[in-house]
PDB file of N, CA and C in Angstrom:
ATOM      1  N   UNK A   1      54.457 -46.033  10.536  1.00  0.00           N
ATOM      2  CA  UNK A   1      53.844 -47.344  10.497  1.00  0.00           C
ATOM      3  C   UNK A   1      52.831 -47.538  11.617  1.00  0.00           C
ATOM      4  N   UNK A   2      52.970 -46.840  12.676  1.00  0.00           N
ATOM      5  CA  UNK A   2      52.048 -47.013  13.798  1.00  0.00           C
ATOM      6  C   UNK A   2      50.714 -46.292  13.569  1.00  0.00           C
ATOM      7  N   UNK A   3      50.572 -45.443  12.502  1.00  0.00           N
ATOM      8  CA  UNK A   3      49.331 -44.742  12.211  1.00  0.00           C
ATOM      9  C   UNK A   3      48.360 -45.576  11.383  1.00  0.00           C
ATOM     10  N   UNK A   4      48.822 -46.643  10.789  1.00  0.00           N
ATOM     11  CA  UNK A   4      47.975 -47.474   9.944  1.00  0.00           C
ATOM     12  C   UNK A   4      47.405 -48.608  10.784  1.00  0.00           C
ATOM     13  N   UNK A   5      46.070 -48.706  10.801  1.00  0.00           N
ATOM     14  CA  UNK A   5      45.450 -49.782  11.583  1.00  0.00           C
ATOM     15  C   UNK A   5      45.276 -51.016  10.701  1.00  0.00           C
ATOM     16  N   UNK A   6      45.183 -52.116  11.337  1.00  0.00           N
ATOM     17  CA  UNK A   6      45.027 -53.379  10.618  1.00  0.00           C
ATOM     18  C   UNK A   6      43.585 -53.527  10.160  1.00  0.00           C
ATOM     19  N   UNK A   7      43.383 -54.111   8.997  1.00  0.00           N
ATOM     20  CA  UNK A   7      42.052 -54.351   8.468  1.00  0.00           C
ATOM     21  C   UNK A   7      41.665 -55.786   8.754  1.00  0.00           C
ATOM     22  N   UNK A   8      40.457 -55.976   9.254  1.00  0.00           N
ATOM     23  CA  UNK A   8      39.966 -57.309   9.546  1.00  0.00           C
ATOM     24  C   UNK A   8      38.747 -57.595   8.692  1.00  0.00           C
ATOM     25  N   UNK A   9      38.633 -58.792   8.219  1.00  0.00           N
ATOM     26  CA  UNK A   9      37.486 -59.193   7.414  1.00  0.00           C
ATOM     27  C   UNK A   9      36.263 -59.325   8.308  1.00  0.00           C
ATOM     28  N   UNK A  10      35.130 -58.865   7.789  1.00  0.00           N
ATOM     29  CA  UNK A  10      33.893 -58.984   8.551  1.00  0.00           C
ATOM     30  C   UNK A  10      33.048 -60.079   7.941  1.00  0.00           C
ATOM     31  N   UNK A  11      32.275 -60.713   8.774  1.00  0.00           N
ATOM     32  CA  UNK A  11      31.406 -61.765   8.256  1.00  0.00           C
ATOM     33  C   UNK A  11      30.139 -61.131   7.714  1.00  0.00           C
ATOM     34  N   UNK A  12      29.636 -61.681   6.645  1.00  0.00           N
ATOM     35  CA  UNK A  12      28.414 -61.171   6.015  1.00  0.00           C
ATOM     36  C   UNK A  12      27.210 -61.597   6.841  1.00  0.00           C
ATOM     37  N   UNK A  13      26.174 -60.755   6.916  1.00  0.00           N
ATOM     38  CA  UNK A  13      24.970 -61.164   7.651  1.00  0.00           C
ATOM     39  C   UNK A  13      24.277 -62.319   6.937  1.00  0.00           C
ATOM     40  N   UNK A  14      23.595 -63.100   7.686  1.00  0.00           N
ATOM     41  CA  UNK A  14      22.913 -64.262   7.128  1.00  0.00           C
ATOM     42  C   UNK A  14      21.759 -63.804   6.232  1.00  0.00           C
ATOM     43  N   UNK A  15      21.639 -64.432   5.074  1.00  0.00           N
ATOM     44  CA  UNK A  15      20.589 -64.075   4.126  1.00  0.00           C
ATOM     45  C   UNK A  15      19.277 -64.685   4.576  1.00  0.00           C
ATOM     46  N   UNK A  16      18.190 -63.908   4.429  1.00  0.00           N
ATOM     47  CA  UNK A  16      16.878 -64.436   4.785  1.00  0.00           C
ATOM     48  C   UNK A  16      16.280 -65.133   3.579  1.00  0.00           C
ATOM     49  N   UNK A  17      15.347 -65.989   3.821  1.00  0.00           N
ATOM     50  CA  UNK A  17      14.739 -66.771   2.755  1.00  0.00           C
ATOM     51  C   UNK A  17      13.943 -65.938   1.777  1.00  0.00           C
ATOM     52  N   UNK A  18      13.101 -65.012   2.216  1.00  0.00           N
ATOM     53  CA  UNK A  18      12.273 -64.203   1.333  1.00  0.00           C
ATOM     54  C   UNK A  18      12.037 -62.828   1.946  1.00  0.00           C
ATOM     55  N   UNK A  19      11.683 -61.871   1.110  1.00  0.00           N
ATOM     56  CA  UNK A  19      11.439 -60.516   1.607  1.00  0.00           C
ATOM     57  C   UNK A  19      10.048 -60.425   2.228  1.00  0.00           C
ATOM     58  N   UNK A  20       9.955 -59.759   3.320  1.00  0.00           N
ATOM     59  CA  UNK A  20       8.668 -59.559   3.974  1.00  0.00           C
ATOM     60  C   UNK A  20       7.883 -58.508   3.203  1.00  0.00           C
ATOM     61  N   UNK A  21       6.645 -58.802   2.863  1.00  0.00           N
ATOM     62  CA  UNK A  21       5.851 -57.888   2.026  1.00  0.00           C
ATOM     63  C   UNK A  21       5.542 -56.581   2.756  1.00  0.00           C
ATOM     64  N   UNK A  22       5.365 -56.627   4.059  1.00  0.00           N
ATOM     65  CA  UNK A  22       5.094 -55.397   4.813  1.00  0.00           C
ATOM     66  C   UNK A  22       6.299 -54.471   4.816  1.00  0.00           C
ATOM     67  N   UNK A  23       7.480 -55.029   4.924  1.00  0.00           N
ATOM     68  CA  UNK A  23       8.668 -54.169   4.937  1.00  0.00           C
ATOM     69  C   UNK A  23       8.880 -53.514   3.570  1.00  0.00           C
ATOM     70  N   UNK A  24       8.522 -54.196   2.491  1.00  0.00           N
ATOM     71  CA  UNK A  24       8.663 -53.587   1.172  1.00  0.00           C
ATOM     72  C   UNK A  24       7.601 -52.504   0.955  1.00  0.00           C
ATOM     73  N   UNK A  25       6.382 -52.698   1.502  1.00  0.00           N
ATOM     74  CA  UNK A  25       5.340 -51.675   1.382  1.00  0.00           C
ATOM     75  C   UNK A  25       5.668 -50.445   2.206  1.00  0.00           C
ATOM     76  N   UNK A  26       6.191 -50.630   3.402  1.00  0.00           N
ATOM     77  CA  UNK A  26       6.558 -49.473   4.217  1.00  0.00           C
ATOM     78  C   UNK A  26       7.765 -48.755   3.634  1.00  0.00           C
ATOM     79  N   UNK A  27       8.569 -49.449   2.881  1.00  0.00           N
ATOM     80  CA  UNK A  27       9.691 -48.803   2.199  1.00  0.00           C
ATOM     81  C   UNK A  27       9.220 -47.934   1.043  1.00  0.00           C
ATOM     82  N   UNK A  28       8.117 -48.316   0.424  1.00  0.00           N
ATOM     83  CA  UNK A  28       7.581 -47.548  -0.704  1.00  0.00           C
ATOM     84  C   UNK A  28       6.614 -46.453  -0.266  1.00  0.00           C
ATOM     85  N   UNK A  29       6.176 -46.476   0.977  1.00  0.00           N
ATOM     86  CA  UNK A  29       5.195 -45.524   1.478  1.00  0.00           C
ATOM     87  C   UNK A  29       5.634 -44.065   1.315  1.00  0.00           C
ATOM     88  N   UNK A  30       6.864 -43.680   1.643  1.00  0.00           N
ATOM     89  CA  UNK A  30       7.261 -42.275   1.430  1.00  0.00           C
ATOM     90  C   UNK A  30       7.200 -41.857  -0.042  1.00  0.00           C
ATOM     91  N   UNK A  31       7.553 -42.756  -0.940  1.00  0.00           N
ATOM     92  CA  UNK A  31       7.501 -42.451  -2.371  1.00  0.00           C
ATOM     93  C   UNK A  31       6.062 -42.235  -2.830  1.00  0.00           C
ATOM     94  N   UNK A  32       5.150 -43.073  -2.367  1.00  0.00           N
ATOM     95  CA  UNK A  32       3.739 -42.942  -2.722  1.00  0.00           C
ATOM     96  C   UNK A  32       3.162 -41.650  -2.142  1.00  0.00           C
ATOM     97  N   UNK A  33       3.490 -41.344  -0.901  1.00  0.00           N
ATOM     98  CA  UNK A  33       3.016 -40.108  -0.279  1.00  0.00           C
ATOM     99  C   UNK A  33       3.554 -38.876  -1.010  1.00  0.00           C
ATOM    100  N   UNK A  34       4.804 -38.935  -1.440  1.00  0.00           N
ATOM    101  CA  UNK A  34       5.385 -37.820  -2.190  1.00  0.00           C
ATOM    102  C   UNK A  34       4.633 -37.607  -3.503  1.00  0.00           C
ATOM    103  N   UNK A  35       4.285 -38.676  -4.192  1.00  0.00           N
ATOM    104  CA  UNK A  35       3.551 -38.552  -5.443  1.00  0.00           C
ATOM    105  C   UNK A  35       2.153 -37.980  -5.215  1.00  0.00           C
ATOM    106  N   UNK A  36       1.490 -38.405  -4.149  1.00  0.00           N
ATOM    107  CA  UNK A  36       0.146 -37.901  -3.850  1.00  0.00           C
ATOM    108  C   UNK A  36       0.204 -36.404  -3.564  1.00  0.00           C
ATOM    109  N   UNK A  37       1.163 -35.971  -2.765  1.00  0.00           N
ATOM    110  CA  UNK A  37       1.317 -34.542  -2.465  1.00  0.00           C
ATOM    111  C   UNK A  37       1.643 -33.774  -3.739  1.00  0.00           C
ATOM    112  N   UNK A  38       2.541 -34.294  -4.566  1.00  0.00           N
ATOM    113  CA  UNK A  38       2.903 -33.655  -5.831  1.00  0.00           C
ATOM    114  C   UNK A  38       1.678 -33.505  -6.726  1.00  0.00           C
ATOM    115  N   UNK A  39       0.824 -34.510  -6.769  1.00  0.00           N
ATOM    116  CA  UNK A  39      -0.374 -34.450  -7.598  1.00  0.00           C
ATOM    117  C   UNK A  39      -1.291 -33.322  -7.147  1.00  0.00           C
ATOM    118  N   UNK A  40      -1.574 -33.248  -5.852  1.00  0.00           N
ATOM    119  CA  UNK A  40      -2.513 -32.246  -5.359  1.00  0.00           C
ATOM    120  C   UNK A  40      -1.926 -30.841  -5.315  1.00  0.00           C
ATOM    121  N   UNK A  41      -0.615 -30.702  -5.215  1.00  0.00           N
ATOM    122  CA  UNK A  41      -0.002 -29.378  -5.124  1.00  0.00           C
ATOM    123  C   UNK A  41       0.364 -28.818  -6.494  1.00  0.00           C
ATOM    124  N   UNK A  42       0.789 -29.668  -7.427  1.00  0.00           N
ATOM    125  CA  UNK A  42       1.277 -29.164  -8.708  1.00  0.00           C
ATOM    126  C   UNK A  42       0.456 -29.607  -9.918  1.00  0.00           C
ATOM    127  N   UNK A  43       0.205 -30.874 -10.052  1.00  0.00           N
ATOM    128  CA  UNK A  43      -0.391 -31.401 -11.282  1.00  0.00           C
ATOM    129  C   UNK A  43      -1.863 -31.006 -11.411  1.00  0.00           C
ATOM    130  N   UNK A  44      -2.640 -31.200 -10.373  1.00  0.00           N
ATOM    131  CA  UNK A  44      -4.077 -30.915 -10.443  1.00  0.00           C
ATOM    132  C   UNK A  44      -4.374 -29.431 -10.678  1.00  0.00           C
ATOM    133  N   UNK A  45      -3.735 -28.496  -9.969  1.00  0.00           N
ATOM    134  CA  UNK A  45      -3.993 -27.077 -10.258  1.00  0.00           C
ATOM    135  C   UNK A  45      -3.586 -26.673 -11.673  1.00  0.00           C
ATOM    136  N   UNK A  46      -2.494 -27.246 -12.183  1.00  0.00           N
ATOM    137  CA  UNK A  46      -2.062 -26.935 -13.539  1.00  0.00           C
ATOM    138  C   UNK A  46      -3.088 -27.411 -14.557  1.00  0.00           C
ATOM    139  N   UNK A  47      -3.647 -28.595 -14.355  1.00  0.00           N
ATOM    140  CA  UNK A  47      -4.665 -29.107 -15.269  1.00  0.00           C
ATOM    141  C   UNK A  47      -5.920 -28.237 -15.214  1.00  0.00           C
ATOM    142  N   UNK A  48      -6.270 -27.749 -14.026  1.00  0.00           N
ATOM    143  CA  UNK A  48      -7.441 -26.887 -13.873  1.00  0.00           C
ATOM    144  C   UNK A  48      -7.228 -25.564 -14.610  1.00  0.00           C
ATOM    145  N   UNK A  49      -6.009 -24.975 -14.503  1.00  0.00           N
ATOM    146  CA  UNK A  49      -5.710 -23.728 -15.220  1.00  0.00           C
ATOM    147  C   UNK A  49      -5.764 -23.930 -16.725  1.00  0.00           C
ATOM    148  N   UNK A  50      -5.256 -25.065 -17.219  1.00  0.00           N
ATOM    149  CA  UNK A  50      -5.293 -25.349 -18.650  1.00  0.00           C
ATOM    150  C   UNK A  50      -6.736 -25.459 -19.140  1.00  0.00           C
ATOM    151  N   UNK A  51      -7.586 -26.105 -18.371  1.00  0.00           N
ATOM    152  CA  UNK A  51      -8.987 -26.264 -18.760  1.00  0.00           C
ATOM    153  C   UNK A  51      -9.692 -24.900 -18.801  1.00  0.00           C
ATOM    154  N   UNK A  52      -9.424 -24.052 -17.799  1.00  0.00           N
ATOM    155  CA  UNK A  52     -10.026 -22.712 -17.776  1.00  0.00           C
ATOM    156  C   UNK A  52      -9.539 -21.860 -18.948  1.00  0.00           C
ATOM    157  N   UNK A  53      -8.242 -21.965 -19.280  1.00  0.00           N
ATOM    158  CA  UNK A  53      -7.682 -21.186 -20.395  1.00  0.00           C
ATOM    159  C   UNK A  53      -8.300 -21.633 -21.717  1.00  0.00           C
ATOM    160  N   UNK A  54      -8.463 -22.938 -21.899  1.00  0.00           N
ATOM    161  CA  UNK A  54      -9.072 -23.451 -23.132  1.00  0.00           C
ATOM    162  C   UNK A  54     -10.515 -22.967 -23.252  1.00  0.00           C
ATOM    163  N   UNK A  55     -11.266 -22.977 -22.144  1.00  0.00           N
ATOM    164  CA  UNK A  55     -12.647 -22.491 -22.173  1.00  0.00           C
ATOM    165  C   UNK A  55     -12.692 -21.007 -22.519  1.00  0.00           C
ATOM    166  N   UNK A  56     -11.748 -20.219 -21.987  1.00  0.00           N
ATOM    167  CA  UNK A  56     -11.701 -18.787 -22.290  1.00  0.00           C
ATOM    168  C   UNK A  56     -11.381 -18.556 -23.768  1.00  0.00           C
ATOM    169  N   UNK A  57     -10.435 -19.314 -24.314  1.00  0.00           N
ATOM    170  CA  UNK A  57     -10.052 -19.185 -25.720  1.00  0.00           C
ATOM    171  C   UNK A  57     -11.233 -19.548 -26.623  1.00  0.00           C
ATOM    172  N   UNK A  58     -11.950 -20.610 -26.275  1.00  0.00           N
ATOM    173  CA  UNK A  58     -13.093 -21.045 -27.082  1.00  0.00           C
ATOM    174  C   UNK A  58     -14.247 -20.041 -27.029  1.00  0.00           C
ATOM    175  N   UNK A  59     -14.347 -19.286 -25.933  1.00  0.00           N
ATOM    176  CA  UNK A  59     -15.449 -18.344 -25.768  1.00  0.00           C
ATOM    177  C   UNK A  59     -15.145 -16.955 -26.326  1.00  0.00           C
ATOM    178  N   UNK A  60     -13.973 -16.762 -26.920  1.00  0.00           N
ATOM    179  CA  UNK A  60     -13.640 -15.443 -27.474  1.00  0.00           C
ATOM    180  C   UNK A  60     -14.621 -15.070 -28.579  1.00  0.00           C
ATOM    181  N   UNK A  61     -14.992 -13.791 -28.608  1.00  0.00           N
ATOM    182  CA  UNK A  61     -15.927 -13.302 -29.621  1.00  0.00           C
ATOM    183  C   UNK A  61     -15.421 -11.970 -30.155  1.00  0.00           C
ATOM    184  N   UNK A  62     -15.928 -11.609 -31.315  1.00  0.00           N
ATOM    185  CA  UNK A  62     -15.567 -10.336 -31.920  1.00  0.00           C
ATOM    186  C   UNK A  62     -16.009  -9.201 -30.983  1.00  0.00           C
ATOM    187  N   UNK A  63     -15.119  -8.247 -30.752  1.00  0.00           N
ATOM    188  CA  UNK A  63     -15.421  -7.124 -29.882  1.00  0.00           C
ATOM    189  C   UNK A  63     -14.888  -7.282 -28.461  1.00  0.00           C
ATOM    190  N   UNK A  64     -14.419  -8.480 -28.097  1.00  0.00           N
ATOM    191  CA  UNK A  64     -13.842  -8.677 -26.764  1.00  0.00           C
ATOM    192  C   UNK A  64     -12.530  -7.908 -26.642  1.00  0.00           C
ATOM    193  N   UNK A  65     -12.292  -7.344 -25.486  1.00  0.00           N
ATOM    194  CA  UNK A  65     -11.027  -6.675 -25.213  1.00  0.00           C
ATOM    195  C   UNK A  65     -10.148  -7.655 -24.455  1.00  0.00           C
ATOM    196  N   UNK A  66      -8.915  -7.854 -24.952  1.00  0.00           N
ATOM    197  CA  UNK A  66      -8.051  -8.908 -24.415  1.00  0.00           C
ATOM    198  C   UNK A  66      -6.640  -8.385 -24.157  1.00  0.00           C
ATOM    199  N   UNK A  67      -5.922  -9.147 -23.339  1.00  0.00           N
ATOM    200  CA  UNK A  67      -4.494  -8.937 -23.112  1.00  0.00           C
ATOM    201  C   UNK A  67      -3.784 -10.182 -23.611  1.00  0.00           C
ATOM    202  N   UNK A  68      -2.641  -9.999 -24.276  1.00  0.00           N
ATOM    203  CA  UNK A  68      -1.900 -11.129 -24.826  1.00  0.00           C
ATOM    204  C   UNK A  68      -0.691 -11.440 -23.958  1.00  0.00           C
ATOM    205  N   UNK A  69      -0.054 -12.572 -24.260  1.00  0.00           N
ATOM    206  CA  UNK A  69       1.144 -12.984 -23.527  1.00  0.00           C
ATOM    207  C   UNK A  69       2.281 -12.000 -23.735  1.00  0.00           C
ATOM    208  N   UNK A  70       2.297 -11.304 -24.853  1.00  0.00           N
ATOM    209  CA  UNK A  70       3.343 -10.326 -25.131  1.00  0.00           C
ATOM    210  C   UNK A  70       3.063  -8.962 -24.522  1.00  0.00           C
ATOM    211  N   UNK A  71       1.920  -8.804 -23.872  1.00  0.00           N
ATOM    212  CA  UNK A  71       1.598  -7.545 -23.223  1.00  0.00           C
ATOM    213  C   UNK A  71       0.780  -6.594 -24.068  1.00  0.00           C
ATOM    214  N   UNK A  72       0.334  -7.032 -25.230  1.00  0.00           N
ATOM    215  CA  UNK A  72      -0.495  -6.178 -26.081  1.00  0.00           C
ATOM    216  C   UNK A  72      -1.928  -6.162 -25.573  1.00  0.00           C
ATOM    217  N   UNK A  73      -2.544  -4.998 -25.615  1.00  0.00           N
ATOM    218  CA  UNK A  73      -3.953  -4.856 -25.256  1.00  0.00           C
ATOM    219  C   UNK A  73      -4.696  -4.401 -26.497  1.00  0.00           C
ATOM    220  N   UNK A  74      -5.813  -5.035 -26.774  1.00  0.00           N
ATOM    221  CA  UNK A  74      -6.569  -4.645 -27.953  1.00  0.00           C
ATOM    222  C   UNK A  74      -7.934  -5.277 -27.986  1.00  0.00           C
ATOM    223  N   UNK A  75      -8.649  -4.959 -29.070  1.00  0.00           N
ATOM    224  CA  UNK A  75     -10.008  -5.454 -29.270  1.00  0.00           C
ATOM    225  C   UNK A  75      -9.989  -6.463 -30.408  1.00  0.00           C
ATOM    226  N   UNK A  76     -10.652  -7.591 -30.213  1.00  0.00           N
ATOM    227  CA  UNK A  76     -10.711  -8.643 -31.231  1.00  0.00           C
ATOM    228  C   UNK A  76     -11.581  -8.140 -32.380  1.00  0.00           C
ATOM    229  N   UNK A  77     -10.999  -8.138 -33.612  1.00  0.00           N
ATOM    230  CA  UNK A  77     -11.769  -7.672 -34.762  1.00  0.00           C
ATOM    231  C   UNK A  77     -12.176  -8.816 -35.691  1.00  0.00           C
ATOM    232  N   UNK A  78     -11.362  -9.873 -35.766  1.00  0.00           N
ATOM    233  CA  UNK A  78     -11.694 -11.054 -36.579  1.00  0.00           C
ATOM    234  C   UNK A  78     -11.236 -12.291 -35.826  1.00  0.00           C
ATOM    235  N   UNK A  79     -11.995 -13.372 -36.008  1.00  0.00           N
ATOM    236  CA  UNK A  79     -11.634 -14.626 -35.342  1.00  0.00           C
ATOM    237  C   UNK A  79     -11.595 -15.743 -36.366  1.00  0.00           C
ATOM    238  N   UNK A  80     -10.488 -16.484 -36.366  1.00  0.00           N
ATOM    239  CA  UNK A  80     -10.360 -17.672 -37.204  1.00  0.00           C
ATOM    240  C   UNK A  80     -10.326 -18.914 -36.328  1.00  0.00           C
ATOM    241  N   UNK A  81     -10.008 -20.062 -36.939  1.00  0.00           N
ATOM    242  CA  UNK A  81      -9.944 -21.311 -36.168  1.00  0.00           C
ATOM    243  C   UNK A  81      -8.796 -21.289 -35.163  1.00  0.00           C
ATOM    244  N   UNK A  82      -7.612 -20.895 -35.614  1.00  0.00           N
ATOM    245  CA  UNK A  82      -6.441 -20.899 -34.732  1.00  0.00           C
ATOM    246  C   UNK A  82      -5.857 -19.510 -34.516  1.00  0.00           C
ATOM    247  N   UNK A  83      -6.295 -18.541 -35.306  1.00  0.00           N
ATOM    248  CA  UNK A  83      -5.756 -17.188 -35.180  1.00  0.00           C
ATOM    249  C   UNK A  83      -6.877 -16.187 -34.965  1.00  0.00           C
ATOM    250  N   UNK A  84      -6.490 -14.994 -34.554  1.00  0.00           N
ATOM    251  CA  UNK A  84      -7.431 -13.896 -34.449  1.00  0.00           C
ATOM    252  C   UNK A  84      -6.710 -12.612 -34.813  1.00  0.00           C
ATOM    253  N   UNK A  85      -7.477 -11.608 -35.182  1.00  0.00           N
ATOM    254  CA  UNK A  85      -6.916 -10.306 -35.510  1.00  0.00           C
ATOM    255  C   UNK A  85      -7.281  -9.358 -34.380  1.00  0.00           C
ATOM    256  N   UNK A  86      -6.261  -8.706 -33.858  1.00  0.00           N
ATOM    257  CA  UNK A  86      -6.417  -7.826 -32.719  1.00  0.00           C
ATOM    258  C   UNK A  86      -6.205  -6.389 -33.167  1.00  0.00           C
ATOM    259  N   UNK A  87      -7.166  -5.533 -32.898  1.00  0.00           N
ATOM    260  CA  UNK A  87      -7.040  -4.119 -33.243  1.00  0.00           C
ATOM    261  C   UNK A  87      -6.430  -3.399 -32.040  1.00  0.00           C
ATOM    262  N   UNK A  88      -5.185  -2.909 -32.237  1.00  0.00           N
ATOM    263  CA  UNK A  88      -4.466  -2.243 -31.155  1.00  0.00           C
ATOM    264  C   UNK A  88      -4.852  -0.771 -31.047  1.00  0.00           C
ATOM    265  N   UNK A  89      -5.029  -0.138 -32.187  1.00  0.00           N
ATOM    266  CA  UNK A  89      -5.439   1.260 -32.263  1.00  0.00           C
ATOM    267  C   UNK A  89      -6.218   1.409 -33.559  1.00  0.00           C
ATOM    268  N   UNK A  90      -6.745   2.582 -33.826  1.00  0.00           N
ATOM    269  CA  UNK A  90      -7.511   2.791 -35.051  1.00  0.00           C
ATOM    270  C   UNK A  90      -6.614   2.554 -36.263  1.00  0.00           C
ATOM    271  N   UNK A  91      -6.955   1.561 -37.059  1.00  0.00           N
ATOM    272  CA  UNK A  91      -6.188   1.252 -38.264  1.00  0.00           C
ATOM    273  C   UNK A  91      -4.962   0.381 -38.038  1.00  0.00           C
ATOM    274  N   UNK A  92      -4.668  -0.003 -36.803  1.00  0.00           N
ATOM    275  CA  UNK A  92      -3.504  -0.863 -36.503  1.00  0.00           C
ATOM    276  C   UNK A  92      -4.023  -2.219 -36.049  1.00  0.00           C
ATOM    277  N   UNK A  93      -3.800  -3.238 -36.884  1.00  0.00           N
ATOM    278  CA  UNK A  93      -4.265  -4.586 -36.563  1.00  0.00           C
ATOM    279  C   UNK A  93      -3.106  -5.552 -36.596  1.00  0.00           C
ATOM    280  N   UNK A  94      -3.154  -6.527 -35.698  1.00  0.00           N
ATOM    281  CA  UNK A  94      -2.116  -7.549 -35.582  1.00  0.00           C
ATOM    282  C   UNK A  94      -2.803  -8.900 -35.592  1.00  0.00           C
ATOM    283  N   UNK A  95      -2.226  -9.842 -36.333  1.00  0.00           N
ATOM    284  CA  UNK A  95      -2.770 -11.193 -36.354  1.00  0.00           C
ATOM    285  C   UNK A  95      -1.916 -12.059 -35.430  1.00  0.00           C
ATOM    286  N   UNK A  96      -2.577 -12.807 -34.544  1.00  0.00           N
ATOM    287  CA  UNK A  96      -1.838 -13.658 -33.617  1.00  0.00           C
ATOM    288  C   UNK A  96      -2.613 -14.927 -33.319  1.00  0.00           C
ATOM    289  N   UNK A  97      -1.940 -15.875 -32.697  1.00  0.00           N
ATOM    290  CA  UNK A  97      -2.580 -17.143 -32.358  1.00  0.00           C
ATOM    291  C   UNK A  97      -3.550 -16.940 -31.203  1.00  0.00           C
ATOM    292  N   UNK A  98      -4.611 -17.719 -31.216  1.00  0.00           N
ATOM    293  CA  UNK A  98      -5.618 -17.605 -30.152  1.00  0.00           C
ATOM    294  C   UNK A  98      -5.027 -17.945 -28.788  1.00  0.00           C
ATOM    295  N   UNK A  99      -4.064 -18.865 -28.762  1.00  0.00           N
ATOM    296  CA  UNK A  99      -3.478 -19.285 -27.488  1.00  0.00           C
ATOM    297  C   UNK A  99      -2.635 -18.195 -26.842  1.00  0.00           C
ATOM    298  N   UNK A 100      -2.304 -17.132 -27.591  1.00  0.00           N
ATOM    299  CA  UNK A 100      -1.509 -16.036 -27.032  1.00  0.00           C
ATOM    300  C   UNK A 100      -2.345 -15.142 -26.125  1.00  0.00           C
ATOM    301  N   UNK A 101      -3.655 -15.264 -26.169  1.00  0.00           N
ATOM    302  CA  UNK A 101      -4.523 -14.462 -25.310  1.00  0.00           C
ATOM    303  C   UNK A 101      -4.460 -15.049 -23.901  1.00  0.00           C
ATOM    304  N   UNK A 102      -4.136 -14.204 -22.933  1.00  0.00           N
ATOM    305  CA  UNK A 102      -4.031 -14.680 -21.556  1.00  0.00           C
ATOM    306  C   UNK A 102      -5.158 -14.177 -20.669  1.00  0.00           C
ATOM    307  N   UNK A 103      -5.862 -13.120 -21.109  1.00  0.00           N
ATOM    308  CA  UNK A 103      -6.911 -12.563 -20.260  1.00  0.00           C
ATOM    309  C   UNK A 103      -7.932 -11.812 -21.106  1.00  0.00           C
ATOM    310  N   UNK A 104      -9.191 -11.987 -20.775  1.00  0.00           N
ATOM    311  CA  UNK A 104     -10.251 -11.196 -21.376  1.00  0.00           C
ATOM    312  C   UNK A 104     -10.558 -10.076 -20.399  1.00  0.00           C
ATOM    313  N   UNK A 105     -10.432  -8.831 -20.871  1.00  0.00           N
ATOM    314  CA  UNK A 105     -10.626  -7.674 -20.009  1.00  0.00           C
ATOM    315  C   UNK A 105     -12.093  -7.261 -19.980  1.00  0.00           C
ATOM    316  N   UNK A 106     -12.510  -6.568 -18.935  1.00  0.00           N
ATOM    317  CA  UNK A 106     -13.891  -6.060 -18.898  1.00  0.00           C
ATOM    318  C   UNK A 106     -14.102  -5.030 -20.008  1.00  0.00           C
ATOM    319  N   UNK A 107     -15.312  -4.948 -20.509  1.00  0.00           N
ATOM    320  CA  UNK A 107     -15.636  -3.992 -21.576  1.00  0.00           C
ATOM    321  C   UNK A 107     -15.329  -2.560 -21.102  1.00  0.00           C
ATOM    322  N   UNK A 108     -14.720  -1.775 -21.989  1.00  0.00           N
ATOM    323  CA  UNK A 108     -14.399  -0.407 -21.673  1.00  0.00           C
ATOM    324  C   UNK A 108     -13.046  -0.224 -21.004  1.00  0.00           C
ATOM    325  N   UNK A 109     -12.263  -1.289 -20.872  1.00  0.00           N
ATOM    326  CA  UNK A 109     -10.938  -1.172 -20.253  1.00  0.00           C
ATOM    327  C   UNK A 109      -9.961  -0.423 -21.140  1.00  0.00           C
ATOM    328  N   UNK A 110     -10.101  -0.620 -22.445  1.00  0.00           N
ATOM    329  CA  UNK A 110      -9.184  -0.009 -23.411  1.00  0.00           C
ATOM    330  C   UNK A 110      -9.871   1.206 -24.007  1.00  0.00           C
ATOM    331  N   UNK A 111      -9.173   2.336 -23.955  1.00  0.00           N
ATOM    332  CA  UNK A 111      -9.771   3.582 -24.482  1.00  0.00           C
ATOM    333  C   UNK A 111      -9.036   4.049 -25.693  1.00  0.00           C
TER     334      UNK A 111
END
């Protein structure tokens, strides 16, 4: 019985009439700063990469040598609106989506 301490009621702090606008703004400042850093570190570079990838996909032409997301290397033989035909070797052609192309290789890369 001597290990249990007595509990005493505490008085509640006095309520203020209204919230101070500066204290609410300084409370939100870390959240706003976190969003700004997140935008410049993650969101903006991702949007830039998407724009560059779309420009590369739109600029594809017959005869370009490309690498796909699956690791295939080949030469573009036909181009459609959403698909293209990739020649992997003589007589071996694969049809795939244009968005699967991840890189346009320099001419003469594939032998």
